[in-house]
Amino acid sequence: MLELILLFFLVVCALAAVQMKDLLSSIMLLTIYSLIMAIVWMSLNAVDVAFTEASVGAGITTVLLMAALSRTSREESNRKVSLSVRAPSLLVLFLVTAVLLYGTVDMPAFGDPEAPANLHVAPEYIKHAVHETGVSNFVTSILAAYRGYDTLGEVVVVFTAGACVIMILRKIN
């Protein structure tokens, strides 16, 4: 039941953020969206992802968007986008949605103890993590060694976002 309530609030925040003409309101709604996503990750027992979502999604992103907003106008312009511009975007949207939905068709049920990850992957990590990484703490060995590229990817995303905001702010001056 909690998952449905959180999903409802996520959808409401996303739709409201898209419909807002006031950019500050959109930023605040996206911050709320990010905090709700952190709650979702906590309910899924993904504390590290929840922490990253809260700090990067709600924290750093909000600061970067507010900095960008301070250099632009607060209201969205009323220029109309032609159908010839929207059609390719909608086509890409539907294609990506179809591929993602197709990719989830044969996924195991959430929490299924017979899922391949629970039968094959997790036991290997548990058995070999400390020996392969040389780190005595099991959780640290997983996060630092096995998920090192994931962490590197997150750093690249934050760096790219910051660089884009700097480029946007320099172009406005």
N, C-alpha and C. Protein backbone atom coordinates (compact mmCIF):
# COMPACT_ATOMS: atom_id res chain seq x y z
N MET A 1 0.82 -1.20 0.00
CA MET A 1 0.00 0.00 0.00
C MET A 1 0.87 1.27 0.00
N LEU A 2 1.96 1.24 0.79
CA LEU A 2 2.86 2.38 0.85
C LEU A 2 3.45 2.67 -0.53
N GLU A 3 3.77 1.61 -1.27
CA GLU A 3 4.36 1.78 -2.60
C GLU A 3 3.39 2.51 -3.54
N LEU A 4 2.12 2.19 -3.45
CA LEU A 4 1.12 2.86 -4.32
C LEU A 4 0.96 4.33 -3.95
N ILE A 5 1.01 4.61 -2.66
CA ILE A 5 0.90 6.01 -2.22
C ILE A 5 2.10 6.81 -2.72
N LEU A 6 3.30 6.23 -2.56
CA LEU A 6 4.50 6.91 -3.03
C LEU A 6 4.49 7.08 -4.54
N LEU A 7 4.04 6.05 -5.26
CA LEU A 7 3.93 6.16 -6.72
C LEU A 7 2.96 7.27 -7.11
N PHE A 8 1.83 7.37 -6.41
CA PHE A 8 0.87 8.43 -6.68
C PHE A 8 1.51 9.81 -6.51
N PHE A 9 2.24 10.01 -5.40
CA PHE A 9 2.88 11.29 -5.16
C PHE A 9 3.97 11.58 -6.20
N LEU A 10 4.70 10.55 -6.62
CA LEU A 10 5.71 10.74 -7.65
C LEU A 10 5.08 11.21 -8.96
N VAL A 11 3.99 10.57 -9.35
CA VAL A 11 3.32 10.95 -10.60
C VAL A 11 2.76 12.37 -10.49
N VAL A 12 2.16 12.70 -9.36
CA VAL A 12 1.60 14.04 -9.17
C VAL A 12 2.72 15.09 -9.23
N CYS A 13 3.83 14.84 -8.55
CA CYS A 13 4.94 15.80 -8.57
C CYS A 13 5.50 15.96 -9.98
N ALA A 14 5.68 14.85 -10.69
CA ALA A 14 6.24 14.93 -12.04
C ALA A 14 5.31 15.69 -12.97
N LEU A 15 4.03 15.39 -12.95
CA LEU A 15 3.08 16.08 -13.83
C LEU A 15 2.96 17.56 -13.46
N ALA A 16 2.94 17.85 -12.18
CA ALA A 16 2.85 19.25 -11.75
C ALA A 16 4.10 20.02 -12.15
N ALA A 17 5.27 19.40 -12.02
CA ALA A 17 6.52 20.09 -12.39
C ALA A 17 6.56 20.40 -13.88
N VAL A 18 6.03 19.51 -14.69
CA VAL A 18 6.02 19.73 -16.14
C VAL A 18 5.02 20.83 -16.52
N GLN A 19 3.91 20.92 -15.81
CA GLN A 19 2.86 21.88 -16.14
C GLN A 19 3.13 23.30 -15.63
N MET A 20 4.01 23.44 -14.65
CA MET A 20 4.27 24.75 -14.05
C MET A 20 4.93 25.70 -15.04
N LYS A 21 4.49 26.93 -15.04
CA LYS A 21 5.14 27.99 -15.82
C LYS A 21 6.19 28.71 -14.99
N ASP A 22 6.02 28.67 -13.66
CA ASP A 22 6.98 29.29 -12.75
C ASP A 22 8.11 28.29 -12.51
N LEU A 23 9.33 28.64 -12.93
CA LEU A 23 10.45 27.71 -12.87
C LEU A 23 10.88 27.40 -11.43
N LEU A 24 10.73 28.34 -10.52
CA LEU A 24 11.06 28.08 -9.13
C LEU A 24 10.14 27.00 -8.55
N SER A 25 8.87 27.07 -8.89
CA SER A 25 7.93 26.05 -8.44
C SER A 25 8.29 24.68 -9.02
N SER A 26 8.71 24.67 -10.27
CA SER A 26 9.13 23.40 -10.88
C SER A 26 10.34 22.82 -10.17
N ILE A 27 11.29 23.68 -9.81
CA ILE A 27 12.48 23.21 -9.10
C ILE A 27 12.08 22.62 -7.74
N MET A 28 11.19 23.28 -7.04
CA MET A 28 10.77 22.79 -5.73
C MET A 28 10.02 21.45 -5.87
N LEU A 29 9.19 21.33 -6.89
CA LEU A 29 8.49 20.06 -7.11
C LEU A 29 9.45 18.94 -7.46
N LEU A 30 10.47 19.24 -8.24
CA LEU A 30 11.47 18.22 -8.57
C LEU A 30 12.29 17.83 -7.34
N THR A 31 12.52 18.77 -6.44
CA THR A 31 13.20 18.46 -5.19
C THR A 31 12.34 17.53 -4.33
N ILE A 32 11.05 17.82 -4.26
CA ILE A 32 10.13 16.95 -3.52
C ILE A 32 10.10 15.57 -4.16
N TYR A 33 10.08 15.52 -5.49
CA TYR A 33 10.10 14.26 -6.22
C TYR A 33 11.34 13.45 -5.82
N SER A 34 12.47 14.11 -5.76
CA SER A 34 13.71 13.43 -5.42
C SER A 34 13.69 12.92 -3.99
N LEU A 35 13.14 13.68 -3.08
CA LEU A 35 13.04 13.22 -1.69
C LEU A 35 12.09 12.03 -1.57
N ILE A 36 11.00 12.04 -2.32
CA ILE A 36 10.09 10.89 -2.32
C ILE A 36 10.79 9.67 -2.90
N MET A 37 11.61 9.87 -3.94
CA MET A 37 12.37 8.75 -4.49
C MET A 37 13.35 8.20 -3.46
N ALA A 38 13.92 9.06 -2.63
CA ALA A 38 14.80 8.59 -1.57
C ALA A 38 14.02 7.70 -0.59
N ILE A 39 12.79 8.08 -0.31
CA ILE A 39 11.95 7.25 0.56
C ILE A 39 11.65 5.92 -0.11
N VAL A 40 11.40 5.94 -1.41
CA VAL A 40 11.15 4.70 -2.15
C VAL A 40 12.37 3.79 -2.05
N TRP A 41 13.56 4.34 -2.26
CA TRP A 41 14.77 3.53 -2.18
C TRP A 41 14.96 2.99 -0.77
N MET A 42 14.63 3.77 0.24
CA MET A 42 14.73 3.27 1.62
C MET A 42 13.77 2.12 1.84
N SER A 43 12.55 2.22 1.30
CA SER A 43 11.58 1.14 1.48
C SER A 43 12.01 -0.13 0.74
N LEU A 44 12.87 0.01 -0.25
CA LEU A 44 13.41 -1.14 -0.99
C LEU A 44 14.73 -1.64 -0.38
N ASN A 45 15.10 -1.09 0.78
CA ASN A 45 16.33 -1.46 1.49
C ASN A 45 17.58 -1.16 0.69
N ALA A 46 17.54 -0.13 -0.13
CA ALA A 46 18.71 0.32 -0.88
C ALA A 46 19.17 1.64 -0.27
N VAL A 47 19.77 1.53 0.91
CA VAL A 47 20.12 2.72 1.68
C VAL A 47 21.15 3.57 0.96
N ASP A 48 22.13 2.92 0.29
CA ASP A 48 23.16 3.68 -0.40
C ASP A 48 22.57 4.48 -1.56
N VAL A 49 21.63 3.88 -2.28
CA VAL A 49 20.98 4.59 -3.38
C VAL A 49 20.09 5.70 -2.84
N ALA A 50 19.42 5.44 -1.72
CA ALA A 50 18.58 6.48 -1.10
C ALA A 50 19.41 7.67 -0.67
N PHE A 51 20.56 7.40 -0.08
CA PHE A 51 21.45 8.48 0.35
C PHE A 51 21.94 9.28 -0.86
N THR A 52 22.30 8.59 -1.93
CA THR A 52 22.76 9.27 -3.14
C THR A 52 21.63 10.10 -3.74
N GLU A 53 20.43 9.55 -3.77
CA GLU A 53 19.28 10.28 -4.31
C GLU A 53 19.00 11.54 -3.50
N ALA A 54 19.06 11.42 -2.19
CA ALA A 54 18.79 12.57 -1.34
C ALA A 54 19.87 13.64 -1.49
N SER A 55 21.13 13.21 -1.49
CA SER A 55 22.20 14.20 -1.54
C SER A 55 22.40 14.79 -2.93
N VAL A 56 22.37 13.94 -3.96
CA VAL A 56 22.58 14.45 -5.31
C VAL A 56 21.28 14.98 -5.90
N GLY A 57 20.23 14.16 -5.85
CA GLY A 57 18.96 14.55 -6.47
C GLY A 57 18.30 15.75 -5.82
N ALA A 58 18.18 15.71 -4.49
CA ALA A 58 17.51 16.81 -3.80
C ALA A 58 18.49 17.91 -3.39
N GLY A 59 19.72 17.55 -3.11
CA GLY A 59 20.67 18.55 -2.63
C GLY A 59 21.39 19.29 -3.72
N ILE A 60 22.33 18.62 -4.35
CA ILE A 60 23.19 19.28 -5.34
C ILE A 60 22.39 19.77 -6.54
N THR A 61 21.48 18.94 -7.03
CA THR A 61 20.70 19.33 -8.21
C THR A 61 19.87 20.57 -7.92
N THR A 62 19.28 20.63 -6.74
CA THR A 62 18.48 21.81 -6.39
C THR A 62 19.36 23.06 -6.35
N VAL A 63 20.53 22.95 -5.77
CA VAL A 63 21.44 24.10 -5.71
C VAL A 63 21.84 24.53 -7.12
N LEU A 64 22.19 23.56 -7.98
CA LEU A 64 22.58 23.90 -9.35
C LEU A 64 21.42 24.53 -10.13
N LEU A 65 20.22 23.99 -9.97
CA LEU A 65 19.07 24.57 -10.66
C LEU A 65 18.74 25.97 -10.14
N MET A 66 18.87 26.16 -8.83
CA MET A 66 18.63 27.51 -8.27
C MET A 66 19.67 28.49 -8.77
N ALA A 67 20.92 28.04 -8.90
CA ALA A 67 21.97 28.92 -9.43
C ALA A 67 21.67 29.28 -10.88
N ALA A 68 21.23 28.30 -11.66
CA ALA A 68 20.88 28.58 -13.05
C ALA A 68 19.67 29.52 -13.11
N LEU A 69 18.70 29.32 -12.23
CA LEU A 69 17.50 30.16 -12.22
C LEU A 69 17.85 31.60 -11.84
N SER A 70 18.85 31.77 -10.98
CA SER A 70 19.21 33.13 -10.57
C SER A 70 19.76 33.93 -11.74
N ARG A 71 20.20 33.25 -12.78
CA ARG A 71 20.77 33.92 -13.95
C ARG A 71 19.79 34.01 -15.12
N THR A 72 18.59 33.50 -14.95
CA THR A 72 17.59 33.52 -16.02
C THR A 72 16.31 34.15 -15.49
N SER A 73 15.30 34.18 -16.34
CA SER A 73 14.00 34.69 -15.87
C SER A 73 13.26 33.57 -15.15
N ARG A 74 12.40 33.96 -14.23
CA ARG A 74 11.71 32.97 -13.40
C ARG A 74 10.55 32.32 -14.14
N GLU A 75 10.00 32.99 -15.11
CA GLU A 75 8.85 32.46 -15.85
C GLU A 75 9.30 31.81 -17.15
N GLU A 76 8.62 30.73 -17.50
CA GLU A 76 8.88 30.07 -18.77
C GLU A 76 8.31 30.93 -19.89
N SER A 77 9.01 30.97 -21.03
CA SER A 77 8.50 31.75 -22.15
C SER A 77 7.28 31.05 -22.75
N ASN A 78 6.48 31.82 -23.44
CA ASN A 78 5.24 31.28 -24.01
C ASN A 78 5.38 30.87 -25.47
N ARG A 79 6.59 30.63 -25.93
CA ARG A 79 6.75 30.28 -27.34
C ARG A 79 6.16 28.89 -27.59
N LYS A 80 5.52 28.77 -28.71
CA LYS A 80 4.88 27.51 -29.09
C LYS A 80 5.87 26.63 -29.82
N VAL A 81 5.79 25.33 -29.56
CA VAL A 81 6.63 24.36 -30.24
C VAL A 81 5.79 23.70 -31.32
N SER A 82 6.30 23.70 -32.55
CA SER A 82 5.53 23.15 -33.66
C SER A 82 5.45 21.64 -33.58
N LEU A 83 4.48 21.07 -34.26
CA LEU A 83 4.29 19.62 -34.28
C LEU A 83 5.47 18.92 -34.94
N SER A 84 6.11 19.59 -35.90
CA SER A 84 7.26 18.98 -36.57
C SER A 84 8.43 18.80 -35.61
N VAL A 85 8.50 19.62 -34.56
CA VAL A 85 9.54 19.48 -33.56
C VAL A 85 9.14 18.43 -32.53
N ARG A 86 7.85 18.38 -32.20
CA ARG A 86 7.37 17.45 -31.18
C ARG A 86 7.29 16.01 -31.67
N ALA A 87 6.99 15.80 -32.94
CA ALA A 87 6.78 14.44 -33.45
C ALA A 87 8.00 13.54 -33.25
N PRO A 88 9.21 13.96 -33.62
CA PRO A 88 10.37 13.08 -33.38
C PRO A 88 10.60 12.81 -31.89
N SER A 89 10.36 13.81 -31.07
CA SER A 89 10.54 13.61 -29.63
C SER A 89 9.54 12.59 -29.10
N LEU A 90 8.31 12.68 -29.53
CA LEU A 90 7.30 11.72 -29.10
C LEU A 90 7.60 10.32 -29.62
N LEU A 91 8.11 10.24 -30.84
CA LEU A 91 8.48 8.94 -31.40
C LEU A 91 9.60 8.30 -30.57
N VAL A 92 10.61 9.07 -30.23
CA VAL A 92 11.70 8.54 -29.40
C VAL A 92 11.17 8.14 -28.03
N LEU A 93 10.29 8.94 -27.47
CA LEU A 93 9.70 8.62 -26.17
C LEU A 93 8.97 7.29 -26.21
N PHE A 94 8.14 7.08 -27.21
CA PHE A 94 7.39 5.83 -27.32
C PHE A 94 8.30 4.64 -27.59
N LEU A 95 9.34 4.84 -28.41
CA LEU A 95 10.27 3.74 -28.68
C LEU A 95 11.05 3.33 -27.42
N VAL A 96 11.52 4.31 -26.67
CA VAL A 96 12.25 4.00 -25.44
C VAL A 96 11.31 3.32 -24.44
N THR A 97 10.08 3.80 -24.33
CA THR A 97 9.11 3.18 -23.43
C THR A 97 8.85 1.74 -23.84
N ALA A 98 8.68 1.50 -25.13
CA ALA A 98 8.42 0.14 -25.60
C ALA A 98 9.60 -0.79 -25.31
N VAL A 99 10.82 -0.31 -25.53
CA VAL A 99 12.01 -1.13 -25.25
C VAL A 99 12.11 -1.44 -23.76
N LEU A 100 11.87 -0.44 -22.92
CA LEU A 100 11.93 -0.68 -21.48
C LEU A 100 10.86 -1.64 -21.01
N LEU A 101 9.65 -1.50 -21.52
CA LEU A 101 8.58 -2.43 -21.15
C LEU A 101 8.88 -3.84 -21.64
N TYR A 102 9.42 -3.96 -22.85
CA TYR A 102 9.78 -5.27 -23.37
C TYR A 102 10.87 -5.91 -22.52
N GLY A 103 11.80 -5.09 -22.03
CA GLY A 103 12.88 -5.60 -21.21
C GLY A 103 12.44 -6.08 -19.84
N THR A 104 11.28 -5.65 -19.38
CA THR A 104 10.80 -6.06 -18.06
C THR A 104 9.84 -7.24 -18.11
N VAL A 105 9.52 -7.73 -19.28
CA VAL A 105 8.53 -8.80 -19.41
C VAL A 105 8.96 -10.07 -18.67
N ASP A 106 10.21 -10.48 -18.82
CA ASP A 106 10.62 -11.74 -18.22
C ASP A 106 11.42 -11.57 -16.92
N MET A 107 11.28 -10.42 -16.28
CA MET A 107 11.96 -10.21 -15.00
C MET A 107 11.27 -11.03 -13.92
N PRO A 108 12.04 -11.54 -12.95
CA PRO A 108 11.41 -12.27 -11.84
C PRO A 108 10.65 -11.30 -10.94
N ALA A 109 9.74 -11.85 -10.18
CA ALA A 109 8.95 -11.03 -9.25
C ALA A 109 9.87 -10.42 -8.21
N PHE A 110 9.52 -9.23 -7.74
CA PHE A 110 10.34 -8.55 -6.73
C PHE A 110 10.40 -9.39 -5.47
N GLY A 111 11.62 -9.62 -4.97
CA GLY A 111 11.81 -10.38 -3.75
C GLY A 111 11.74 -11.88 -3.92
N ASP A 112 11.67 -12.37 -5.14
CA ASP A 112 11.58 -13.80 -5.39
C ASP A 112 12.88 -14.49 -4.96
N PRO A 113 12.81 -15.41 -4.00
CA PRO A 113 14.03 -16.07 -3.55
C PRO A 113 14.64 -16.99 -4.61
N GLU A 114 13.86 -17.35 -5.62
CA GLU A 114 14.35 -18.21 -6.70
C GLU A 114 14.89 -17.41 -7.88
N ALA A 115 14.98 -16.09 -7.75
CA ALA A 115 15.52 -15.24 -8.83
C ALA A 115 16.99 -15.57 -9.05
N PRO A 116 17.46 -15.49 -10.29
CA PRO A 116 18.86 -15.82 -10.56
C PRO A 116 19.86 -15.02 -9.71
N ALA A 117 19.55 -13.77 -9.44
CA ALA A 117 20.47 -12.97 -8.62
C ALA A 117 20.61 -13.54 -7.21
N ASN A 118 19.52 -14.09 -6.69
CA ASN A 118 19.56 -14.66 -5.34
C ASN A 118 20.18 -16.06 -5.33
N LEU A 119 20.09 -16.78 -6.43
CA LEU A 119 20.62 -18.14 -6.49
C LEU A 119 22.08 -18.19 -6.90
N HIS A 120 22.51 -17.29 -7.78
CA HIS A 120 23.84 -17.39 -8.35
C HIS A 120 24.76 -16.23 -7.97
N VAL A 121 24.27 -15.02 -8.06
CA VAL A 121 25.13 -13.85 -7.88
C VAL A 121 25.44 -13.60 -6.40
N ALA A 122 24.41 -13.47 -5.58
CA ALA A 122 24.61 -13.14 -4.17
C ALA A 122 25.49 -14.16 -3.45
N PRO A 123 25.29 -15.46 -3.63
CA PRO A 123 26.17 -16.41 -2.94
C PRO A 123 27.65 -16.26 -3.33
N GLU A 124 27.91 -15.94 -4.59
CA GLU A 124 29.29 -15.75 -5.02
C GLU A 124 29.93 -14.54 -4.34
N TYR A 125 29.17 -13.44 -4.24
CA TYR A 125 29.68 -12.27 -3.54
C TYR A 125 29.95 -12.60 -2.08
N ILE A 126 29.01 -13.27 -1.45
CA ILE A 126 29.16 -13.59 -0.03
C ILE A 126 30.37 -14.50 0.19
N LYS A 127 30.56 -15.44 -0.69
CA LYS A 127 31.65 -16.41 -0.52
C LYS A 127 33.02 -15.81 -0.81
N HIS A 128 33.12 -14.96 -1.85
CA HIS A 128 34.44 -14.53 -2.32
C HIS A 128 34.78 -13.07 -2.08
N ALA A 129 33.85 -12.26 -1.61
CA ALA A 129 34.08 -10.81 -1.55
C ALA A 129 35.29 -10.43 -0.71
N VAL A 130 35.37 -10.94 0.49
CA VAL A 130 36.46 -10.54 1.39
C VAL A 130 37.81 -11.03 0.83
N HIS A 131 37.85 -12.25 0.33
CA HIS A 131 39.10 -12.81 -0.20
C HIS A 131 39.56 -12.08 -1.47
N GLU A 132 38.62 -11.81 -2.40
CA GLU A 132 38.99 -11.20 -3.68
C GLU A 132 39.39 -9.73 -3.54
N THR A 133 38.77 -9.03 -2.61
CA THR A 133 39.03 -7.59 -2.50
C THR A 133 40.07 -7.25 -1.45
N GLY A 134 40.27 -8.13 -0.47
CA GLY A 134 41.21 -7.84 0.60
C GLY A 134 40.66 -6.89 1.64
N VAL A 135 39.38 -6.58 1.56
CA VAL A 135 38.74 -5.68 2.52
C VAL A 135 37.99 -6.54 3.53
N SER A 136 38.22 -6.33 4.80
CA SER A 136 37.63 -7.20 5.82
C SER A 136 36.14 -6.96 6.03
N ASN A 137 35.66 -5.77 5.74
CA ASN A 137 34.24 -5.47 5.89
C ASN A 137 33.52 -5.89 4.61
N PHE A 138 32.54 -6.76 4.75
CA PHE A 138 31.84 -7.32 3.59
C PHE A 138 31.13 -6.24 2.77
N VAL A 139 30.39 -5.35 3.45
CA VAL A 139 29.63 -4.31 2.75
C VAL A 139 30.58 -3.36 2.02
N THR A 140 31.65 -2.97 2.68
CA THR A 140 32.62 -2.08 2.06
C THR A 140 33.27 -2.73 0.85
N SER A 141 33.54 -4.02 0.94
CA SER A 141 34.14 -4.71 -0.20
C SER A 141 33.20 -4.71 -1.40
N ILE A 142 31.92 -4.86 -1.15
CA ILE A 142 30.94 -4.83 -2.25
C ILE A 142 30.87 -3.42 -2.85
N LEU A 143 30.72 -2.41 -1.99
CA LEU A 143 30.55 -1.04 -2.49
C LEU A 143 31.82 -0.49 -3.14
N ALA A 144 32.97 -0.77 -2.56
CA ALA A 144 34.20 -0.18 -3.07
C ALA A 144 34.77 -0.94 -4.25
N ALA A 145 34.70 -2.26 -4.22
CA ALA A 145 35.34 -3.04 -5.29
C ALA A 145 34.37 -3.41 -6.40
N TYR A 146 33.31 -4.08 -6.04
CA TYR A 146 32.39 -4.57 -7.07
C TYR A 146 31.54 -3.46 -7.68
N ARG A 147 31.23 -2.44 -6.89
CA ARG A 147 30.40 -1.35 -7.40
C ARG A 147 31.21 -0.09 -7.63
N GLY A 148 32.50 -0.23 -7.80
CA GLY A 148 33.37 0.93 -8.03
C GLY A 148 33.02 1.67 -9.30
N TYR A 149 32.69 0.93 -10.37
CA TYR A 149 32.32 1.59 -11.62
C TYR A 149 30.99 2.33 -11.49
N ASP A 150 30.10 1.79 -10.68
CA ASP A 150 28.82 2.47 -10.43
C ASP A 150 29.08 3.81 -9.75
N THR A 151 29.95 3.80 -8.75
CA THR A 151 30.30 5.04 -8.07
C THR A 151 30.98 6.02 -9.02
N LEU A 152 31.87 5.51 -9.85
CA LEU A 152 32.52 6.36 -10.84
C LEU A 152 31.48 6.97 -11.79
N GLY A 153 30.50 6.17 -12.19
CA GLY A 153 29.43 6.67 -13.06
C GLY A 153 28.64 7.79 -12.40
N GLU A 154 28.36 7.63 -11.11
CA GLU A 154 27.63 8.68 -10.40
C GLU A 154 28.45 9.97 -10.34
N VAL A 155 29.74 9.85 -10.13
CA VAL A 155 30.61 11.03 -10.10
C VAL A 155 30.63 11.71 -11.47
N VAL A 156 30.67 10.92 -12.53
CA VAL A 156 30.66 11.48 -13.89
C VAL A 156 29.35 12.23 -14.15
N VAL A 157 28.23 11.68 -13.69
CA VAL A 157 26.93 12.34 -13.88
C VAL A 157 26.90 13.68 -13.15
N VAL A 158 27.37 13.71 -11.91
CA VAL A 158 27.36 14.96 -11.14
C VAL A 158 28.30 15.97 -11.79
N PHE A 159 29.49 15.53 -12.22
CA PHE A 159 30.44 16.43 -12.87
C PHE A 159 29.84 16.99 -14.17
N THR A 160 29.21 16.13 -14.97
CA THR A 160 28.60 16.58 -16.23
C THR A 160 27.49 17.59 -15.97
N ALA A 161 26.67 17.33 -14.96
CA ALA A 161 25.60 18.28 -14.63
C ALA A 161 26.18 19.62 -14.22
N GLY A 162 27.20 19.60 -13.38
CA GLY A 162 27.83 20.84 -12.95
C GLY A 162 28.47 21.59 -14.11
N ALA A 163 29.15 20.86 -15.00
CA ALA A 163 29.78 21.50 -16.15
C ALA A 163 28.73 22.11 -17.08
N CYS A 164 27.61 21.43 -17.25
CA CYS A 164 26.53 21.97 -18.09
C CYS A 164 25.94 23.24 -17.48
N VAL A 165 25.75 23.24 -16.18
CA VAL A 165 25.21 24.44 -15.53
C VAL A 165 26.19 25.60 -15.68
N ILE A 166 27.47 25.34 -15.52
CA ILE A 166 28.48 26.40 -15.69
C ILE A 166 28.44 26.93 -17.11
N MET A 167 28.34 26.03 -18.10
CA MET A 167 28.28 26.49 -19.50
C MET A 167 27.02 27.31 -19.75
N ILE A 168 25.90 26.90 -19.17
CA ILE A 168 24.65 27.65 -19.34
C ILE A 168 24.79 29.04 -18.72
N LEU A 169 25.34 29.09 -17.51
CA LEU A 169 25.47 30.38 -16.83
C LEU A 169 26.44 31.30 -17.54
N ARG A 170 27.51 30.77 -18.11
CA ARG A 170 28.46 31.61 -18.86
C ARG A 170 27.85 32.11 -20.15
N LYS A 171 27.00 31.32 -20.79
CA LYS A 171 26.40 31.72 -22.05
C LYS A 171 25.39 32.86 -21.83
N ILE A 172 24.74 32.86 -20.68
CA ILE A 172 23.73 33.87 -20.39
C ILE A 172 24.36 35.25 -20.19
N ASN A 173 25.54 35.28 -19.60
CA ASN A 173 26.19 36.59 -19.35
C ASN A 173 26.46 37.32 -20.58
